[in-house]
Protein backbone atom coordinates (compact mmCIF):
# COMPACT_ATOMS: atom_id res chain seq x y z
CA MET A 1 186.20 119.91 142.70
CA LEU A 2 189.47 119.09 140.92
CA PHE A 3 190.29 115.40 140.86
CA ASP A 4 193.92 114.68 141.74
CA PRO A 5 195.34 111.93 139.49
CA LYS A 6 196.33 110.15 142.69
CA MET A 7 192.69 109.95 143.74
CA GLN A 8 190.71 106.84 142.89
CA LEU A 9 186.93 106.49 142.63
CA VAL A 10 185.67 103.25 144.17
CA TRP A 11 182.27 101.60 144.22
CA VAL A 12 180.79 99.67 147.12
CA ASP A 13 177.55 97.74 147.10
CA GLY A 14 175.78 95.38 149.42
CA PRO A 15 172.52 94.57 151.23
CA LEU A 16 170.56 97.68 152.23
CA SER A 17 170.54 96.38 155.81
CA ARG A 18 174.34 96.84 155.83
CA LEU A 19 174.37 100.44 154.58
CA ASP A 20 174.57 102.10 158.01
CA GLU A 21 177.20 99.64 159.20
CA PHE A 22 179.29 100.28 156.08
CA ILE A 23 179.09 104.06 156.50
CA GLN A 24 179.98 103.90 160.20
CA THR A 25 182.89 101.56 159.55
CA CYS A 26 184.35 103.11 156.41
CA CYS A 27 183.15 106.67 155.84
CA VAL A 28 181.89 108.50 158.90
CA ASP A 29 185.24 109.85 160.11
CA GLY A 30 185.78 111.76 156.84
CA LYS A 31 189.56 111.21 156.92
CA GLU A 32 190.09 108.72 154.07
CA ALA A 33 186.89 108.30 152.08
CA HIS A 34 185.29 111.34 150.41
CA PRO A 35 181.78 110.22 149.38
CA ALA A 36 180.30 111.30 146.06
CA ARG A 37 176.61 111.26 145.15
CA ALA A 38 176.06 107.86 143.57
CA LEU A 39 172.90 108.91 141.71
CA ASP A 40 174.93 111.41 139.67
CA ASN A 41 176.53 108.43 137.95
CA MET A 42 173.44 106.20 137.69
CA SER A 43 170.18 106.23 135.81
CA ALA A 44 166.88 106.74 137.62
CA SER A 45 165.18 104.91 134.75
CA ALA A 46 167.08 101.78 135.80
CA GLY A 47 165.31 101.83 139.16
CA PHE A 48 167.95 103.58 141.27
CA ALA A 49 166.64 105.96 143.94
CA ALA A 50 167.82 107.84 147.02
CA PRO A 51 167.43 106.04 150.37
CA GLU A 52 164.75 107.13 152.81
CA GLU A 53 165.81 110.20 154.80
CA ASP A 54 165.55 110.66 158.54
CA GLY A 55 165.95 114.23 159.70
CA ALA A 56 165.20 113.41 163.35
CA TRP A 57 168.86 113.29 164.35
CA GLY A 58 169.64 116.73 162.97
CA GLN A 59 166.65 118.06 164.91
CA LEU A 60 167.95 116.35 168.06
CA VAL A 61 171.33 118.03 167.61
CA GLU A 62 169.56 121.41 167.39
CA ARG A 63 167.56 120.69 170.56
CA LEU A 64 170.71 119.81 172.49
CA GLU A 65 172.54 122.89 171.22
CA ALA A 66 169.57 125.07 172.23
CA LEU A 67 169.58 123.49 175.68
CA ALA A 68 173.30 124.16 176.09
CA GLY A 69 172.89 127.78 174.99
CA GLN A 70 176.18 129.65 175.41
CA GLU A 71 177.76 126.85 177.46
CA ASN A 72 180.50 124.73 175.92
CA MET A 73 179.53 121.09 175.54
CA PRO A 74 182.13 118.79 177.16
CA ILE A 75 183.93 116.41 174.79
CA VAL A 76 183.01 112.80 175.55
CA GLN A 77 183.01 109.55 173.63
CA ALA A 78 179.63 107.98 172.98
CA GLY A 79 178.34 105.45 170.49
CA PRO A 80 175.38 106.25 168.22
CA ASP A 81 173.05 103.98 170.21
CA ALA A 82 173.09 106.37 173.19
CA ALA A 83 170.66 108.75 171.45
CA ARG A 84 168.38 105.95 170.27
CA SER A 85 167.35 104.97 173.81
CA PRO A 86 163.71 105.88 174.71
CA GLU A 87 164.92 106.59 178.25
CA ALA A 88 167.40 109.12 176.90
CA LEU A 89 164.68 111.00 175.02
CA GLU A 90 162.40 110.99 178.09
CA TYR A 91 165.31 112.36 180.13
CA LEU A 92 165.90 115.10 177.55
CA GLU A 93 162.23 116.12 177.48
CA ASP A 94 162.15 116.36 181.29
CA LEU A 95 165.32 118.44 181.32
CA GLU A 96 163.93 120.74 178.61
CA ARG A 97 160.82 121.31 180.74
CA GLN A 98 162.92 122.24 183.77
CA ALA A 99 165.16 124.54 181.75
CA ALA A 100 162.20 126.21 180.03
CA ALA A 101 160.46 126.87 183.36
CA LEU A 102 163.59 128.49 184.80
CA LYS A 103 164.11 130.54 181.64
CA GLN A 104 160.50 131.74 181.77
CA ASP A 105 160.88 132.79 185.42
CA VAL A 106 164.12 134.63 184.64
CA GLN A 107 162.53 136.45 181.70
CA LEU A 108 159.52 137.46 183.79
CA LEU A 109 161.72 138.95 186.51
CA GLN A 110 164.00 140.59 183.94
CA ASN A 111 160.97 142.27 182.34
CA GLN A 112 159.91 143.60 185.73
CA ARG A 113 163.43 144.85 186.38
CA ASP A 114 163.52 146.61 183.00
CA VAL A 115 160.28 148.44 183.85
CA CYS A 116 161.72 149.55 187.20
CA GLN A 117 165.00 150.65 185.64
CA LYS A 118 163.16 152.60 182.97
CA GLY A 119 161.25 154.37 185.75
CA ILE A 120 164.49 155.16 187.56
CA ASP A 121 166.00 156.58 184.38
CA SER A 122 162.89 158.69 183.76
CA PHE A 123 162.29 160.00 187.29
CA GLY A 124 165.99 160.38 188.09
CA HIS A 125 166.29 163.48 185.92
CA PHE A 126 163.65 165.20 188.05
CA ALA A 127 164.83 164.11 191.51
CA ASP A 128 165.21 167.73 192.68
CA LEU A 129 161.58 168.53 191.90
CA ASP A 130 159.99 168.42 195.34
CA VAL A 131 156.40 167.86 194.16
CA PRO A 132 154.36 164.63 194.41
CA VAL A 133 154.10 163.27 190.87
CA ASP A 134 150.66 161.75 191.45
CA GLU A 135 149.22 165.18 192.28
CA LEU A 136 150.43 166.92 189.13
CA ASP A 137 147.72 165.49 186.87
CA GLN A 138 145.09 166.76 189.27
CA CYS A 139 145.83 170.43 188.53
CA GLU A 140 142.61 172.06 187.37
CA TYR A 141 144.05 174.93 185.35
CA ILE A 142 147.59 173.88 184.45
CA LYS A 143 149.03 171.13 182.20
CA ILE A 144 152.52 169.89 183.07
CA ARG A 145 154.97 168.34 180.58
CA PHE A 146 158.16 166.46 181.52
CA GLY A 147 161.00 166.10 179.03
CA HIS A 148 164.31 167.44 177.81
CA LEU A 149 165.06 170.55 175.81
CA PRO A 150 168.23 171.10 173.73
CA LYS A 151 170.37 173.91 175.08
CA SER A 152 169.96 175.73 171.77
CA GLY A 153 166.18 175.56 172.24
CA TYR A 154 166.50 176.76 175.83
CA ALA A 155 168.61 179.72 174.68
CA MET A 156 165.94 180.65 172.12
CA LEU A 157 163.24 180.27 174.78
CA GLN A 158 165.09 182.71 177.04
CA ARG A 159 165.70 185.12 174.19
CA GLU A 160 162.33 185.12 172.43
CA TYR A 161 159.74 184.19 175.06
CA SER A 162 161.08 185.36 178.41
CA THR A 163 158.37 188.03 178.65
CA ASP A 164 155.47 185.65 177.91
CA PRO A 165 153.73 185.09 181.27
CA SER A 166 152.06 181.88 180.01
CA ILE A 167 155.38 180.08 179.41
CA LEU A 168 157.40 178.63 182.28
CA PHE A 169 160.15 176.05 181.89
CA VAL A 170 161.88 174.77 185.03
CA PRO A 171 165.23 172.97 184.47
CA CYS A 172 165.81 170.06 186.86
CA ALA A 173 169.02 168.57 185.46
CA GLU A 174 171.35 168.96 182.49
CA ASP A 175 173.85 167.07 180.41
CA ASP A 176 176.22 168.24 177.68
CA THR A 177 173.46 168.98 175.16
CA SER A 178 170.15 169.33 176.97
CA TYR A 179 168.22 170.47 179.99
CA TRP A 180 165.85 168.02 181.65
CA GLY A 181 162.86 169.71 183.18
CA VAL A 182 159.17 170.58 183.08
CA TYR A 183 157.10 173.29 181.54
CA PHE A 184 153.75 174.53 182.73
CA ALA A 185 150.98 175.66 180.40
CA PRO A 186 147.51 177.02 181.12
CA ARG A 187 144.95 174.53 179.85
CA ARG A 188 143.34 177.16 177.59
CA GLN A 189 146.68 177.77 175.83
CA VAL A 190 148.14 174.27 175.95
CA THR A 191 147.84 173.70 172.17
CA ARG A 192 149.82 176.89 171.39
CA ILE A 193 152.47 176.23 174.01
CA ASP A 194 152.88 172.56 173.06
CA ALA A 195 153.44 173.66 169.44
CA LEU A 196 155.98 176.29 170.55
CA PHE A 197 158.01 173.78 172.59
CA SER A 198 157.80 171.32 169.71
CA GLU A 199 159.47 173.93 167.49
CA LEU A 200 162.18 174.25 170.14
CA LEU A 201 162.74 170.45 169.83
CA PHE A 202 161.44 169.65 173.29
CA GLU A 203 161.12 165.85 173.65
CA ARG A 204 158.40 164.86 176.04
CA ILE A 205 158.81 162.02 178.53
CA ARG A 206 155.70 160.36 179.87
CA LEU A 207 156.42 159.27 183.42
CA PRO A 208 154.81 155.98 184.51
CA GLY A 209 152.25 156.24 187.29
CA ALA A 210 153.84 156.49 190.73
CA ALA A 211 153.21 158.07 194.14
CA GLY A 212 155.46 160.57 195.92
CA THR A 213 158.11 162.97 194.77
CA PRO A 214 160.47 161.94 191.97
CA ARG A 215 163.21 161.28 194.54
CA GLN A 216 160.90 159.04 196.58
CA VAL A 217 159.81 157.21 193.42
CA VAL A 218 163.45 156.58 192.45
CA GLU A 219 164.24 155.25 195.92
CA ASN A 220 161.24 152.89 195.87
CA LEU A 221 162.06 151.67 192.38
CA GLN A 222 165.71 151.10 193.33
CA SER A 223 164.56 148.95 196.26
CA ASN A 224 162.51 146.88 193.84
CA VAL A 225 165.50 146.53 191.50
CA ASP A 226 167.68 145.31 194.38
CA LEU A 227 165.09 142.65 195.32
CA LEU A 228 164.70 141.57 191.70
CA ASP A 229 168.49 141.34 191.24
CA ALA A 230 168.75 139.05 194.27
CA GLU A 231 166.00 136.77 192.93
CA LEU A 232 167.53 136.78 189.44
CA ASP A 233 170.88 135.74 190.92
CA ARG A 234 169.17 132.87 192.73
CA LEU A 235 167.43 131.66 189.57
CA ARG A 236 170.61 131.91 187.50
CA GLN A 237 172.44 129.87 190.10
CA ARG A 238 169.72 127.22 189.72
CA GLN A 239 170.21 127.33 185.94
CA ASP A 240 173.94 126.83 186.38
CA GLN A 241 173.39 123.96 188.84
CA LEU A 242 171.02 122.29 186.38
CA TRP A 243 173.67 122.54 183.66
CA GLN A 244 176.52 121.32 185.87
CA GLN A 245 174.49 118.32 187.04
CA ASN A 246 173.52 117.26 183.51
CA LYS A 247 176.27 118.44 181.16
CA THR A 248 178.17 115.15 181.01
CA ARG A 249 175.09 113.12 180.11
CA LEU A 250 173.98 115.79 177.66
CA ALA A 251 177.42 115.72 176.05
CA ALA A 252 177.13 111.97 175.54
CA LEU A 253 173.73 112.43 173.92
CA TYR A 254 175.15 115.22 171.78
CA ALA A 255 178.07 113.11 170.57
CA SER A 256 175.68 110.29 169.74
CA ALA A 257 173.19 112.57 167.98
CA CYS A 258 175.97 114.21 165.94
CA SER A 259 177.18 110.77 164.87
CA LEU A 260 173.67 109.76 163.79
CA ALA A 261 173.13 113.09 162.02
CA ARG A 262 176.40 112.61 160.14
CA LEU A 263 175.30 109.09 159.23
CA ALA A 264 171.98 110.43 157.92
CA GLU A 265 173.82 112.99 155.76
CA LEU A 266 176.13 110.35 154.30
CA ARG A 267 173.17 108.08 153.52
CA LYS A 268 172.06 110.74 151.04
CA CYS A 269 175.12 109.88 148.92
CA ALA A 270 173.92 106.32 148.40
CA ALA A 271 171.70 104.92 145.68
CA VAL A 272 169.19 102.17 146.37
CA ARG A 273 167.51 99.62 144.17
CA GLY A 274 165.25 97.15 145.89
CA GLN A 275 167.05 95.91 149.00
CA HIS A 276 170.51 96.69 147.66
CA PHE A 277 172.66 99.82 148.14
CA PHE A 278 175.33 101.35 145.94
CA PHE A 279 177.91 103.83 147.22
CA CYS A 280 180.87 105.61 145.63
CA ALA A 281 183.73 107.55 147.19
CA TRP A 282 187.05 109.10 146.30
CA LEU A 283 190.18 107.85 148.07
CA ARG A 284 193.89 108.50 147.82
CA GLN A 285 195.77 105.60 146.26
CA PRO A 286 197.69 104.79 149.49
CA ASP A 287 194.41 104.47 151.42
CA LEU A 288 192.81 101.98 149.05
CA PRO A 289 194.10 98.71 150.65
CA ALA A 290 192.92 99.57 154.17
CA PHE A 291 189.53 100.78 152.89
CA GLU A 292 189.09 97.65 150.78
CA ALA A 293 189.95 95.45 153.76
CA ARG A 294 187.32 97.15 155.95
CA CYS A 295 184.69 96.77 153.24
CA LYS A 296 185.42 93.08 152.67
CA ALA A 297 185.23 92.43 156.42
CA LEU A 298 181.51 93.32 156.24
CA GLU A 299 179.36 90.37 155.23
CA GLY A 300 177.83 90.76 151.76
CA VAL A 301 179.60 94.07 150.99
CA ASN A 302 181.52 94.26 147.68
CA PHE A 303 184.33 96.62 146.69
CA ALA A 304 185.44 97.62 143.17
CA PRO A 305 187.70 100.44 141.85
CA ASP A 306 186.31 102.38 138.89
CA ARG A 307 189.37 103.33 136.86
CA VAL A 308 187.45 104.25 133.71
CA LEU A 309 185.10 106.68 135.40
CA SER A 310 187.84 108.29 137.47
CA GLN A 311 190.00 108.88 134.39
CA ARG A 312 187.01 110.36 132.51
CA LYS A 313 186.25 112.70 135.43
CA TRP A 314 189.87 113.77 135.60
CA LYS A 315 189.98 114.56 131.86
CA GLN A 316 186.75 116.55 132.08
CA GLU A 317 188.15 118.68 134.90
CA THR A 318 191.57 119.26 133.35
CA GLY A 319 190.57 119.45 129.68
CA THR A 320 193.07 116.75 128.71
CA ARG A 321 192.45 113.97 126.17
């Protein structure tokens, strides 16, 4: 930090019981006073120490932000005491329980929907195969593999293995690069044929257990997806209602918690000895009278400019003598 010659370092001290009141009155808005760490200019051997820290307010801010999620917190005015109320914390805990329960229900249904959609994506490529899927694994002499084969691999299959009676690949669908289909292999030769298709870059798809033809499976799964979507919409509407009903009160708690968290951060700039605090801050020269007046209005709080230290700091930064 470069110290502008027009900036003045000032010292404030007073009873430790007045520290929070001083910070809230003179420093918390961050517009005039720019606090510096007092212990950097004091000796620990003289008994100066940092004040006790309270990280609870920062944690409360994080809880409220997590509860809001992607929603924008309304801007409201609230004093710091709003977040100190036991009733407010009980209210927050109850709201967190409600929100967590809804979130858990949504996630459960979303997981079920993902499974159904994955099944649709898998079976959909084989919708024209008019064979019950659940009966395929019951074949005594034949193994059946579902998957997709690059068109280059299919061309090689047609060219090199078209006369092999043990190899049969049935295309069911295609895209720009591949054929989706099944191949059939006698159980006694399945190792050889699996290796051959592997060389042709066949990628196997393991279809989840289902009953009926692929088309019937897709239709049943789509019905499940439609039901799950309707229930998910209902739960998300409940989530939105919960937010709309509570956002104003949550915003007041958030404003209060942010104020207290800011206060806790500024307390770290102070030095303490016994029951007395010491605080230093940089101010622009024009702001000094108003800042001094606010300090002196607080009972027991003293104000003093430190011209020597500020000049020394300025010379150190600029290299002047």
